[in-house]
Amino acid sequence: MKNVTVLAGGVGGARFTRGLLAHLAQAHPLATVTVIVNTGDDMWLDGLRICPDLDTVMYTLGGGINEDQGWGRPEETRRTSAEIAAYGRGWSWFTLGDLDLATHIVRTDLLRAGSTLSEATEFLCRRWQPGARLLPMSDQPVETHVRLAESVDEHRAGELMHFEEWWVRYRARIPVTEFVQQGLSGSVAAPGVLEAIDSADLVILPPSNPVVSVGTILDVPGIRDALRTTSAPVVGVAPIIGGGAVRGMADACLHTIGVDTSALAVGLHYGARSAGGVLDAWLVDETDAAALPQLAAAGIRSLAVPLWMHDVPTTAAMAAAVLAVAVAGAT
């Protein structure tokens, strides 16, 4: 195992990748890992370019994450955000910590000086040394919005709201009819993304949101096709355990696109590569073992193992299971 490529969202993808790196350090110490990160949650706030998933992955792998939250920096202060609010600006529901603001300021400065997002990400990672190569899915801005349903407010029906406002401010509790990725159709995969998939010995879809994280990455022109044609096995890890989302409100996203909140339904949503989908194998939790026959019938090899990421050792064991099912399929 030399080259492993991961398609990741925020907290779940970051924590899984940390466990993967821990496992590879013992089992395959020469292996390299490339993480292709969702940028559909990106936005402008107070004149700064915010990249939530890129930062969460970078901080987590670099040892600078707030472990209790799963995002942001530990021991934060928020004096700057309080001052911005005193001017009547900013978003009270999306408060940035002072340490975190430094990252956004440096990134924005680099972008305005002509750097691409890939170049800015590489620069930021020089400090954090995440132990993996982090690539944004695209250098072109892509922003996910939700379209409000009529039941929210008849006067606002059909209005678009940034995904982060729906997710953070409203906790995904207000009905929406669809996700709209502005800029997606005109985007291209960032430099190195397609090559990382094509040259991989293994591609992993970790337990990230299948709709607005991994799903958005897959919808960047060229990426889904690259997954279908790579010679590497593509193995996914279910973000649903026992009919509930492991973290966040993925169930609200799945409901919006008409997919049941179950490990089986998400696996079938991704689909088997042999039938035009993207998966060769799919890991589900032991509590969802009853889904294995249906997954097999759909052409997806599957394995039931413990999927709760309690700590780095348990997550490393999950990563070991991913490598095991990938190797088993290749023999």
Protein backbone atom coordinates (compact mmCIF):
# COMPACT_ATOMS: atom_id res chain seq x y z
CA MET A 1 0.00 0.00 0.00
CA LYS A 2 1.79 3.13 -1.24
CA ASN A 3 -0.77 5.81 -2.11
CA VAL A 4 -4.08 6.28 -0.30
CA THR A 5 -6.58 8.95 -1.33
CA VAL A 6 -9.41 10.10 0.94
CA LEU A 7 -12.44 12.22 -0.04
CA ALA A 8 -13.36 14.05 3.14
CA GLY A 9 -15.76 16.50 4.67
CA GLY A 10 -15.17 18.05 8.07
CA VAL A 11 -15.18 16.41 11.49
CA GLY A 12 -15.91 12.81 10.48
CA GLY A 13 -13.49 12.83 7.58
CA ALA A 14 -10.80 14.51 9.67
CA ARG A 15 -11.07 12.08 12.57
CA PHE A 16 -11.11 9.06 10.29
CA THR A 17 -8.03 10.30 8.44
CA ARG A 18 -6.22 10.80 11.74
CA GLY A 19 -6.92 7.15 12.59
CA LEU A 20 -5.86 6.10 9.10
CA LEU A 21 -2.51 7.87 9.50
CA ALA A 22 -2.00 6.16 12.87
CA HIS A 23 -2.66 2.75 11.33
CA LEU A 24 -0.48 3.35 8.29
CA ALA A 25 2.40 4.54 10.48
CA GLN A 26 2.50 1.03 11.94
CA ALA A 27 1.40 -1.16 9.03
CA HIS A 28 2.63 0.76 5.97
CA PRO A 29 5.11 3.41 7.16
CA LEU A 30 6.09 4.44 3.63
CA ALA A 31 2.52 5.05 2.48
CA THR A 32 1.44 8.56 1.52
CA VAL A 33 -2.05 9.98 2.03
CA THR A 34 -3.80 12.63 -0.05
CA VAL A 35 -7.01 14.15 1.32
CA ILE A 36 -9.37 15.77 -1.19
CA VAL A 37 -11.49 18.10 0.92
CA ASN A 38 -14.98 19.48 0.35
CA THR A 39 -15.07 23.24 -0.21
CA GLY A 40 -18.82 23.52 -0.79
CA ASP A 41 -19.27 24.89 2.74
CA ASP A 42 -16.90 27.81 2.02
CA MET A 43 -18.16 31.37 2.36
CA TRP A 44 -17.21 35.01 2.78
CA LEU A 45 -17.68 36.41 6.27
CA ASP A 46 -16.53 39.84 7.47
CA GLY A 47 -14.39 40.14 4.35
CA LEU A 48 -12.62 36.83 5.01
CA ARG A 49 -12.70 33.58 3.06
CA ILE A 50 -13.80 30.82 5.42
CA CYS A 51 -13.11 27.17 4.51
CA PRO A 52 -14.63 25.13 7.35
CA ASP A 53 -13.78 21.63 6.16
CA LEU A 54 -10.25 22.40 5.01
CA ASP A 55 -9.51 24.02 8.37
CA THR A 56 -11.06 21.19 10.38
CA VAL A 57 -8.98 18.59 8.55
CA MET A 58 -5.81 20.69 8.83
CA TYR A 59 -6.25 21.42 12.54
CA THR A 60 -7.22 17.83 13.39
CA LEU A 61 -4.29 16.24 11.60
CA GLY A 62 -1.92 18.96 12.80
CA GLY A 63 -2.84 18.66 16.47
CA GLY A 64 -4.56 22.04 16.76
CA ILE A 65 -8.24 21.10 16.94
CA ASN A 66 -10.72 21.72 19.74
CA GLU A 67 -11.43 18.07 20.53
CA ASP A 68 -14.66 18.77 22.39
CA GLN A 69 -16.20 20.70 19.49
CA GLY A 70 -14.53 18.82 16.67
CA TRP A 71 -13.86 22.14 14.93
CA GLY A 72 -12.03 25.38 15.69
CA ARG A 73 -9.06 25.88 17.99
CA PRO A 74 -8.79 24.99 21.69
CA GLU A 75 -8.62 27.63 24.41
CA GLU A 76 -10.17 30.23 22.11
CA THR A 77 -11.10 33.80 22.90
CA ARG A 78 -13.65 35.78 20.90
CA ARG A 79 -12.80 39.40 21.56
CA THR A 80 -12.48 40.25 17.86
CA SER A 81 -15.89 38.79 17.00
CA ALA A 82 -17.38 40.74 19.92
CA GLU A 83 -15.89 43.96 18.55
CA ILE A 84 -17.24 43.23 15.07
CA ALA A 85 -20.68 42.63 16.59
CA ALA A 86 -20.41 45.99 18.43
CA TYR A 87 -20.26 47.64 15.01
CA GLY A 88 -23.44 45.82 14.05
CA ARG A 89 -21.65 43.49 11.65
CA GLY A 90 -20.87 39.79 11.58
CA TRP A 91 -23.15 36.83 12.14
CA SER A 92 -23.98 36.21 15.80
CA TRP A 93 -24.65 32.53 15.06
CA PHE A 94 -21.25 31.98 13.42
CA THR A 95 -18.68 33.38 15.83
CA LEU A 96 -15.04 32.96 14.86
CA GLY A 97 -12.39 32.61 17.54
CA ASP A 98 -9.38 34.91 17.59
CA LEU A 99 -6.86 32.13 16.88
CA ASP A 100 -9.02 30.77 14.06
CA LEU A 101 -9.34 34.25 12.58
CA ALA A 102 -5.59 34.31 11.99
CA THR A 103 -5.93 31.40 9.57
CA HIS A 104 -8.75 33.12 7.68
CA ILE A 105 -6.82 36.40 7.49
CA VAL A 106 -3.72 34.71 6.09
CA ARG A 107 -5.74 32.69 3.59
CA THR A 108 -7.66 35.75 2.40
CA ASP A 109 -4.46 37.76 2.04
CA LEU A 110 -2.93 35.00 -0.07
CA LEU A 111 -6.03 34.72 -2.28
CA ARG A 112 -6.22 38.47 -2.84
CA ALA A 113 -2.52 38.49 -3.72
CA GLY A 114 -3.22 36.02 -6.53
CA SER A 115 -2.67 32.60 -4.93
CA THR A 116 -5.07 29.80 -5.75
CA LEU A 117 -6.89 28.03 -2.94
CA SER A 118 -4.59 25.04 -3.48
CA GLU A 119 -1.54 27.26 -3.06
CA ALA A 120 -3.00 28.95 0.00
CA THR A 121 -3.81 25.57 1.54
CA GLU A 122 -0.28 24.32 0.93
CA PHE A 123 1.10 27.47 2.59
CA LEU A 124 -1.11 27.07 5.67
CA CYS A 125 -0.18 23.39 5.98
CA ARG A 126 3.51 24.26 6.22
CA ARG A 127 2.80 25.40 9.75
CA TRP A 128 0.52 22.54 10.78
CA GLN A 129 2.39 19.63 9.14
CA PRO A 130 -0.74 17.43 8.92
CA GLY A 131 1.13 14.34 7.74
CA ALA A 132 -0.96 14.16 4.57
CA ARG A 133 -1.32 16.25 1.44
CA LEU A 134 -4.47 18.36 1.63
CA LEU A 135 -6.13 19.38 -1.63
CA PRO A 136 -9.31 21.42 -2.02
CA MET A 137 -11.73 19.69 -4.36
CA SER A 138 -11.56 22.75 -6.65
CA ASP A 139 -9.81 26.10 -6.79
CA GLN A 140 -12.97 27.72 -8.14
CA PRO A 141 -15.41 28.98 -5.47
CA VAL A 142 -18.30 26.60 -4.88
CA GLU A 143 -20.92 27.47 -2.26
CA THR A 144 -23.76 25.24 -1.15
CA HIS A 145 -27.14 26.85 -0.57
CA VAL A 146 -30.50 25.39 0.44
CA ARG A 147 -33.83 26.34 -1.12
CA LEU A 148 -36.47 27.11 1.50
CA ALA A 149 -39.72 25.17 1.39
CA GLU A 150 -43.09 26.92 1.33
CA SER A 151 -43.86 25.64 4.83
CA VAL A 152 -41.11 27.88 6.25
CA ASP A 153 -42.73 31.14 5.15
CA GLU A 154 -44.90 31.56 2.07
CA HIS A 155 -43.16 34.87 1.35
CA ARG A 156 -39.72 33.24 1.48
CA ALA A 157 -40.58 30.00 -0.34
CA GLY A 158 -37.95 29.26 -2.96
CA GLU A 159 -35.45 31.66 -1.41
CA LEU A 160 -31.84 30.49 -1.17
CA MET A 161 -29.97 30.41 2.14
CA HIS A 162 -26.29 29.56 2.58
CA PHE A 163 -25.88 26.00 3.82
CA GLU A 164 -23.89 27.12 6.87
CA GLU A 165 -26.75 29.35 8.05
CA TRP A 166 -29.21 26.47 7.67
CA TRP A 167 -26.79 24.05 9.35
CA VAL A 168 -25.40 26.17 12.19
CA ARG A 169 -28.06 28.80 12.89
CA TYR A 170 -31.15 26.66 12.33
CA ARG A 171 -29.59 23.24 13.06
CA ALA A 172 -31.15 21.96 9.80
CA ARG A 173 -34.59 22.10 11.42
CA ILE A 174 -36.37 24.20 8.81
CA PRO A 175 -37.67 22.40 5.70
CA VAL A 176 -35.82 22.82 2.41
CA THR A 177 -36.50 21.39 -1.00
CA GLU A 178 -33.03 21.05 -2.51
CA PHE A 179 -29.34 21.83 -2.28
CA VAL A 180 -27.96 24.29 -4.80
CA GLN A 181 -24.18 24.29 -5.33
CA GLN A 182 -23.46 27.67 -6.84
CA GLY A 183 -20.39 27.63 -9.08
CA LEU A 184 -20.23 23.84 -9.22
CA SER A 185 -21.00 23.40 -12.92
CA GLY A 186 -18.19 25.77 -13.89
CA SER A 187 -15.65 24.32 -11.49
CA VAL A 188 -12.79 21.98 -12.30
CA ALA A 189 -10.92 19.60 -10.05
CA ALA A 190 -7.99 21.30 -8.35
CA PRO A 191 -4.49 20.45 -9.56
CA GLY A 192 -3.49 17.00 -8.36
CA VAL A 193 -7.00 15.82 -7.50
CA LEU A 194 -7.67 13.60 -10.50
CA GLU A 195 -4.09 12.32 -10.45
CA ALA A 196 -4.42 11.40 -6.77
CA ILE A 197 -7.46 9.27 -7.57
CA ASP A 198 -5.98 7.73 -10.71
CA SER A 199 -2.64 6.81 -9.11
CA ALA A 200 -4.03 5.61 -5.78
CA ASP A 201 -3.69 2.09 -4.46
CA LEU A 202 -6.83 2.70 -2.40
CA VAL A 203 -9.54 5.37 -2.40
CA ILE A 204 -11.61 5.86 0.74
CA LEU A 205 -14.93 7.63 1.26
CA PRO A 206 -14.84 8.17 5.05
CA PRO A 207 -17.86 8.74 7.31
CA SER A 208 -18.56 12.25 6.04
CA ASN A 209 -21.93 13.70 5.04
CA PRO A 210 -22.87 11.80 1.85
CA VAL A 211 -24.97 14.68 0.49
CA VAL A 212 -23.14 17.95 1.11
CA SER A 213 -19.58 16.78 1.78
CA VAL A 214 -18.62 13.68 -0.19
CA GLY A 215 -21.59 14.23 -2.50
CA THR A 216 -20.39 17.71 -3.41
CA ILE A 217 -16.86 16.47 -4.10
CA LEU A 218 -18.25 13.76 -6.38
CA ASP A 219 -20.22 16.36 -8.33
CA VAL A 220 -17.17 18.41 -9.29
CA PRO A 221 -16.84 17.70 -13.03
CA GLY A 222 -14.42 14.83 -13.60
CA ILE A 223 -14.17 13.48 -10.06
CA ARG A 224 -16.98 10.91 -10.20
CA ASP A 225 -15.65 9.65 -13.54
CA ALA A 226 -12.16 9.37 -12.05
CA LEU A 227 -13.53 7.21 -9.24
CA ARG A 228 -15.30 4.96 -11.72
CA THR A 229 -12.17 4.40 -13.80
CA THR A 230 -9.38 4.22 -11.22
CA SER A 231 -7.70 0.84 -10.86
CA ALA A 232 -7.73 1.29 -7.07
CA PRO A 233 -10.49 -0.26 -4.97
CA VAL A 234 -12.95 2.34 -3.64
CA VAL A 235 -14.11 1.62 -0.10
CA GLY A 236 -16.66 3.65 1.84
CA VAL A 237 -17.44 3.86 5.55
CA ALA A 238 -21.05 4.41 6.59
CA PRO A 239 -21.77 7.70 8.41
CA ILE A 240 -25.01 6.17 9.72
CA ILE A 241 -25.14 3.74 12.64
CA GLY A 242 -28.36 2.04 13.67
CA GLY A 243 -30.49 4.44 11.65
CA GLY A 244 -28.95 7.60 13.09
CA ALA A 245 -26.31 10.01 11.88
CA VAL A 246 -22.99 9.59 13.66
CA ARG A 247 -22.59 13.36 13.89
CA GLY A 248 -24.51 16.41 12.80
CA MET A 249 -27.81 16.43 10.96
CA ALA A 250 -27.03 14.23 7.97
CA ASP A 251 -30.52 12.74 8.31
CA ALA A 252 -32.04 16.10 7.31
CA CYS A 253 -29.83 16.18 4.21
CA LEU A 254 -30.69 12.61 3.27
CA HIS A 255 -34.41 13.26 3.77
CA THR A 256 -34.20 16.26 1.44
CA ILE A 257 -32.85 14.13 -1.42
CA GLY A 258 -35.20 11.22 -0.69
CA VAL A 259 -32.71 8.76 0.82
CA ASP A 260 -33.49 6.87 4.01
CA THR A 261 -31.26 7.39 7.03
CA SER A 262 -29.65 3.97 7.06
CA ALA A 263 -26.25 2.50 6.28
CA LEU A 264 -27.89 0.35 3.59
CA ALA A 265 -29.63 3.27 1.87
CA VAL A 266 -26.48 5.41 1.83
CA GLY A 267 -24.44 2.53 0.41
CA LEU A 268 -27.02 2.02 -2.33
CA HIS A 269 -27.10 5.78 -2.92
CA TYR A 270 -23.36 5.72 -3.69
CA GLY A 271 -23.91 2.58 -5.75
CA ALA A 272 -21.65 -0.21 -6.95
CA ARG A 273 -18.93 0.63 -9.46
CA SER A 274 -19.99 -2.44 -11.39
CA ALA A 275 -23.38 -0.78 -11.90
CA GLY A 276 -22.22 2.79 -12.59
CA GLY A 277 -21.79 3.89 -8.98
CA VAL A 278 -18.60 4.58 -7.07
CA LEU A 279 -18.20 1.82 -4.46
CA ASP A 280 -16.42 -1.51 -4.50
CA ALA A 281 -16.88 -2.10 -0.76
CA TRP A 282 -18.82 -0.57 2.12
CA LEU A 283 -18.24 -0.83 5.86
CA VAL A 284 -21.25 -0.74 8.16
CA ASP A 285 -21.44 -0.93 11.93
CA GLU A 286 -22.06 -4.26 13.63
CA THR A 287 -25.57 -3.10 14.51
CA ASP A 288 -26.33 -2.85 10.77
CA ALA A 289 -25.03 -6.30 9.83
CA ALA A 290 -28.48 -7.30 8.53
CA ALA A 291 -27.83 -5.04 5.53
CA LEU A 292 -24.93 -7.16 4.23
CA PRO A 293 -26.98 -9.50 1.99
CA GLN A 294 -28.77 -6.61 0.27
CA LEU A 295 -25.49 -4.77 -0.29
CA ALA A 296 -23.96 -7.93 -1.75
CA ALA A 297 -26.95 -8.35 -4.04
CA ALA A 298 -26.35 -4.81 -5.30
CA GLY A 299 -22.72 -5.66 -6.13
CA ILE A 300 -21.11 -3.99 -3.10
CA ARG A 301 -18.80 -6.07 -0.90
CA SER A 302 -19.51 -5.23 2.70
CA LEU A 303 -18.23 -5.84 6.18
CA ALA A 304 -19.76 -5.15 9.59
CA VAL A 305 -17.28 -3.78 12.16
CA PRO A 306 -17.41 -1.32 15.07
CA LEU A 307 -17.64 2.17 13.55
CA TRP A 308 -17.79 4.47 16.57
CA MET A 309 -14.68 6.67 16.49
CA HIS A 310 -14.21 6.92 20.25
CA ASP A 311 -10.49 7.69 20.04
CA VAL A 312 -7.49 7.32 17.74
CA PRO A 313 -6.95 3.57 18.46
CA THR A 314 -10.58 2.64 17.69
CA THR A 315 -10.45 4.77 14.55
CA ALA A 316 -7.16 3.17 13.52
CA ALA A 317 -8.89 -0.22 13.86
CA MET A 318 -11.61 1.03 11.50
CA ALA A 319 -8.95 2.07 9.01
CA ALA A 320 -7.35 -1.35 9.29
CA ALA A 321 -10.72 -2.91 8.40
CA VAL A 322 -10.95 -0.66 5.33
CA LEU A 323 -7.54 -1.85 4.14
CA ALA A 324 -8.48 -5.46 4.89
CA VAL A 325 -11.67 -5.38 2.82
CA ALA A 326 -9.82 -3.62 0.00
CA VAL A 327 -7.09 -6.27 -0.06
CA ALA A 328 -9.65 -9.08 0.17
CA GLY A 329 -11.39 -7.77 -2.92
CA ALA A 330 -8.16 -7.61 -4.87
CA THR A 331 -7.31 -11.27 -4.26
